[in-house]
Structures are given as structure tokens and as C-alpha cells.
Amino acid sequence: MFTLRDVKCDQNVVVVKLHGEGATRRRIMDMGITKGTPVYVRKVAPLGDPVEVTVRGYELSLRKADAQMIEVQ
């Protein structure tokens, strides 16, 4: 399983599946990250938290734990 947390800077990926349950999963979906959505990883902080991505035309910062729940290819 390859997650958004594992992606390096300046890479484009596509969301395959969202893991997690309940409110956390709903919050990620409300941010526009759904199955089939292209995501561009702009920056990764030195310690890996947060990850800054561009999704659906806007910039978004995700916690490492949230990025771990997003399976990509």
C-alpha cells in the first residue's frame, strides 16, 4: 500500500482509496480528497509533518496521520 505520506515533493498521484472511519474520513472527503482525484505534493516539512498538497486547484496542508489514511498510486 502506497500512501500520500510516502510521496516525495513535486510528484503527482491519484487517490485510490480512503482508509479510516467516521468523522476523520468525512473531514478528508470534505476537503475535496476523494477517489480518483489527482493530487500534487508541493512540500513536505523536514520531519514529515505537515504535507502541503494541491488538490482541486487549492493548497492544503495535511497532518502526517491524515496523509497515512490516503492510499494513492
N, C-alpha and C. Protein backbone atom coordinates (compact mmCIF):
# COMPACT_ATOMS: atom_id res chain seq x y z
N MET A 1 0.85 -1.18 0.00
CA MET A 1 0.00 0.00 0.00
C MET A 1 0.89 1.24 0.00
N PHE A 2 0.66 2.13 -0.93
CA PHE A 2 1.43 3.37 -1.09
C PHE A 2 0.52 4.52 -0.67
N THR A 3 0.90 5.27 0.37
CA THR A 3 0.04 6.33 0.88
C THR A 3 0.59 7.71 0.54
N LEU A 4 -0.22 8.72 0.75
CA LEU A 4 0.18 10.10 0.49
C LEU A 4 1.37 10.50 1.36
N ARG A 5 1.50 9.89 2.50
CA ARG A 5 2.63 10.17 3.39
C ARG A 5 3.97 9.73 2.77
N ASP A 6 3.95 8.73 1.91
CA ASP A 6 5.16 8.18 1.30
C ASP A 6 5.61 8.94 0.06
N VAL A 7 4.77 9.83 -0.46
CA VAL A 7 5.07 10.53 -1.71
C VAL A 7 6.10 11.64 -1.45
N LYS A 8 7.04 11.77 -2.36
CA LYS A 8 8.07 12.82 -2.27
C LYS A 8 7.57 14.11 -2.89
N CYS A 9 8.31 15.19 -2.69
CA CYS A 9 7.96 16.51 -3.24
C CYS A 9 7.92 16.47 -4.77
N ASP A 10 7.11 17.35 -5.34
CA ASP A 10 6.99 17.53 -6.79
C ASP A 10 6.53 16.29 -7.53
N GLN A 11 5.66 15.51 -6.92
CA GLN A 11 5.10 14.34 -7.59
C GLN A 11 3.59 14.46 -7.69
N ASN A 12 3.05 13.96 -8.78
CA ASN A 12 1.60 13.88 -8.98
C ASN A 12 1.15 12.46 -8.72
N VAL A 13 0.06 12.31 -7.98
CA VAL A 13 -0.51 11.00 -7.69
C VAL A 13 -2.03 11.09 -7.83
N VAL A 14 -2.68 9.94 -7.83
CA VAL A 14 -4.14 9.87 -7.90
C VAL A 14 -4.63 9.07 -6.70
N VAL A 15 -5.68 9.56 -6.05
CA VAL A 15 -6.24 8.88 -4.88
C VAL A 15 -6.93 7.59 -5.32
N VAL A 16 -6.56 6.49 -4.67
CA VAL A 16 -7.15 5.19 -4.98
C VAL A 16 -8.23 4.83 -3.96
N LYS A 17 -7.94 5.10 -2.67
CA LYS A 17 -8.86 4.70 -1.61
C LYS A 17 -8.61 5.52 -0.36
N LEU A 18 -9.67 5.78 0.39
CA LEU A 18 -9.55 6.44 1.68
C LEU A 18 -9.77 5.42 2.78
N HIS A 19 -8.84 5.37 3.70
CA HIS A 19 -8.97 4.50 4.86
C HIS A 19 -9.46 5.34 6.03
N GLY A 20 -9.77 4.73 7.12
CA GLY A 20 -10.26 5.46 8.28
C GLY A 20 -11.78 5.37 8.37
N GLU A 21 -12.31 5.92 9.46
CA GLU A 21 -13.74 5.80 9.70
C GLU A 21 -14.32 7.10 10.22
N GLY A 22 -15.62 7.20 10.11
CA GLY A 22 -16.38 8.26 10.75
C GLY A 22 -15.98 9.67 10.39
N ALA A 23 -15.82 10.49 11.43
CA ALA A 23 -15.59 11.92 11.27
C ALA A 23 -14.28 12.22 10.55
N THR A 24 -13.25 11.42 10.79
CA THR A 24 -11.96 11.66 10.14
C THR A 24 -12.07 11.45 8.64
N ARG A 25 -12.68 10.38 8.23
CA ARG A 25 -12.87 10.11 6.81
C ARG A 25 -13.74 11.18 6.15
N ARG A 26 -14.79 11.59 6.82
CA ARG A 26 -15.69 12.62 6.30
C ARG A 26 -14.94 13.95 6.16
N ARG A 27 -14.09 14.30 7.12
CA ARG A 27 -13.33 15.54 7.06
C ARG A 27 -12.39 15.56 5.86
N ILE A 28 -11.73 14.43 5.60
CA ILE A 28 -10.84 14.33 4.44
C ILE A 28 -11.64 14.47 3.14
N MET A 29 -12.79 13.85 3.08
CA MET A 29 -13.63 13.96 1.89
C MET A 29 -14.16 15.38 1.71
N ASP A 30 -14.48 16.05 2.79
CA ASP A 30 -14.97 17.44 2.72
C ASP A 30 -13.89 18.39 2.22
N MET A 31 -12.62 18.03 2.39
CA MET A 31 -11.52 18.84 1.88
C MET A 31 -11.33 18.65 0.37
N GLY A 32 -12.08 17.73 -0.23
CA GLY A 32 -12.01 17.52 -1.68
C GLY A 32 -11.17 16.33 -2.09
N ILE A 33 -10.70 15.57 -1.13
CA ILE A 33 -9.88 14.39 -1.45
C ILE A 33 -10.80 13.18 -1.50
N THR A 34 -11.12 12.77 -2.73
CA THR A 34 -11.98 11.62 -2.94
C THR A 34 -11.32 10.68 -3.95
N LYS A 35 -11.88 9.50 -4.11
CA LYS A 35 -11.33 8.51 -5.03
C LYS A 35 -11.26 9.07 -6.45
N GLY A 36 -10.09 8.91 -7.10
CA GLY A 36 -9.90 9.38 -8.45
C GLY A 36 -9.39 10.80 -8.58
N THR A 37 -9.24 11.50 -7.48
CA THR A 37 -8.81 12.90 -7.50
C THR A 37 -7.29 12.98 -7.67
N PRO A 38 -6.80 13.77 -8.63
CA PRO A 38 -5.35 13.98 -8.75
C PRO A 38 -4.85 14.91 -7.64
N VAL A 39 -3.70 14.58 -7.10
CA VAL A 39 -3.09 15.35 -6.01
C VAL A 39 -1.63 15.61 -6.37
N TYR A 40 -1.20 16.86 -6.20
CA TYR A 40 0.19 17.24 -6.43
C TYR A 40 0.82 17.57 -5.08
N VAL A 41 1.91 16.89 -4.74
CA VAL A 41 2.60 17.13 -3.47
C VAL A 41 3.58 18.28 -3.67
N ARG A 42 3.29 19.41 -3.04
CA ARG A 42 4.12 20.61 -3.18
C ARG A 42 5.32 20.59 -2.26
N LYS A 43 5.08 20.36 -0.97
CA LYS A 43 6.16 20.41 0.02
C LYS A 43 5.92 19.36 1.09
N VAL A 44 7.02 18.92 1.69
CA VAL A 44 6.94 18.06 2.86
C VAL A 44 7.86 18.68 3.90
N ALA A 45 7.36 18.92 5.08
CA ALA A 45 8.15 19.53 6.14
C ALA A 45 9.33 18.62 6.49
N PRO A 46 10.40 19.17 7.05
CA PRO A 46 11.59 18.37 7.35
C PRO A 46 11.32 17.11 8.17
N LEU A 47 10.42 17.17 9.11
CA LEU A 47 10.11 15.98 9.90
C LEU A 47 8.90 15.21 9.36
N GLY A 48 8.41 15.63 8.18
CA GLY A 48 7.32 14.91 7.53
C GLY A 48 5.93 15.37 7.92
N ASP A 49 5.82 16.38 8.78
CA ASP A 49 4.52 16.83 9.25
C ASP A 49 4.48 18.34 9.27
N PRO A 50 3.68 19.03 8.52
CA PRO A 50 2.63 18.55 7.62
C PRO A 50 3.12 18.35 6.19
N VAL A 51 2.21 17.84 5.37
CA VAL A 51 2.44 17.66 3.94
C VAL A 51 1.57 18.70 3.24
N GLU A 52 2.16 19.50 2.37
CA GLU A 52 1.38 20.51 1.63
C GLU A 52 1.11 19.99 0.23
N VAL A 53 -0.16 19.94 -0.13
CA VAL A 53 -0.58 19.41 -1.43
C VAL A 53 -1.47 20.41 -2.16
N THR A 54 -1.57 20.24 -3.47
CA THR A 54 -2.54 20.98 -4.27
C THR A 54 -3.57 19.98 -4.75
N VAL A 55 -4.81 20.27 -4.41
CA VAL A 55 -5.91 19.38 -4.79
C VAL A 55 -7.09 20.25 -5.25
N ARG A 56 -7.63 19.95 -6.42
CA ARG A 56 -8.78 20.67 -6.99
C ARG A 56 -8.54 22.18 -7.07
N GLY A 57 -7.27 22.58 -7.33
CA GLY A 57 -6.96 23.98 -7.55
C GLY A 57 -6.65 24.80 -6.31
N TYR A 58 -6.56 24.19 -5.15
CA TYR A 58 -6.19 24.95 -3.96
C TYR A 58 -5.15 24.19 -3.14
N GLU A 59 -4.42 24.95 -2.31
CA GLU A 59 -3.38 24.36 -1.48
C GLU A 59 -3.99 23.89 -0.16
N LEU A 60 -3.47 22.78 0.32
CA LEU A 60 -4.00 22.15 1.52
C LEU A 60 -2.84 21.55 2.30
N SER A 61 -2.84 21.74 3.61
CA SER A 61 -1.84 21.11 4.47
C SER A 61 -2.50 19.98 5.24
N LEU A 62 -1.87 18.83 5.21
CA LEU A 62 -2.40 17.65 5.88
C LEU A 62 -1.44 17.16 6.95
N ARG A 63 -1.99 16.70 8.04
CA ARG A 63 -1.17 16.07 9.07
C ARG A 63 -0.64 14.74 8.54
N LYS A 64 0.44 14.30 9.14
CA LYS A 64 1.05 13.03 8.75
C LYS A 64 0.06 11.88 8.96
N ALA A 65 -0.69 11.92 10.04
CA ALA A 65 -1.65 10.86 10.33
C ALA A 65 -2.78 10.82 9.29
N ASP A 66 -3.22 12.00 8.84
CA ASP A 66 -4.27 12.04 7.83
C ASP A 66 -3.74 11.59 6.48
N ALA A 67 -2.51 11.99 6.14
CA ALA A 67 -1.90 11.58 4.87
C ALA A 67 -1.71 10.06 4.82
N GLN A 68 -1.51 9.45 5.97
CA GLN A 68 -1.33 7.99 6.04
C GLN A 68 -2.62 7.25 5.65
N MET A 69 -3.76 7.90 5.81
CA MET A 69 -5.06 7.26 5.51
C MET A 69 -5.44 7.33 4.03
N ILE A 70 -4.65 8.06 3.22
CA ILE A 70 -5.00 8.26 1.82
C ILE A 70 -4.11 7.38 0.95
N GLU A 71 -4.68 6.34 0.38
CA GLU A 71 -3.93 5.44 -0.50
C GLU A 71 -3.90 6.02 -1.90
N VAL A 72 -2.70 6.06 -2.49
CA VAL A 72 -2.52 6.68 -3.82
C VAL A 72 -1.75 5.75 -4.74
N GLN A 73 -1.75 6.12 -6.02
CA GLN A 73 -0.91 5.39 -7.00
C GLN A 73 -0.22 6.38 -7.88
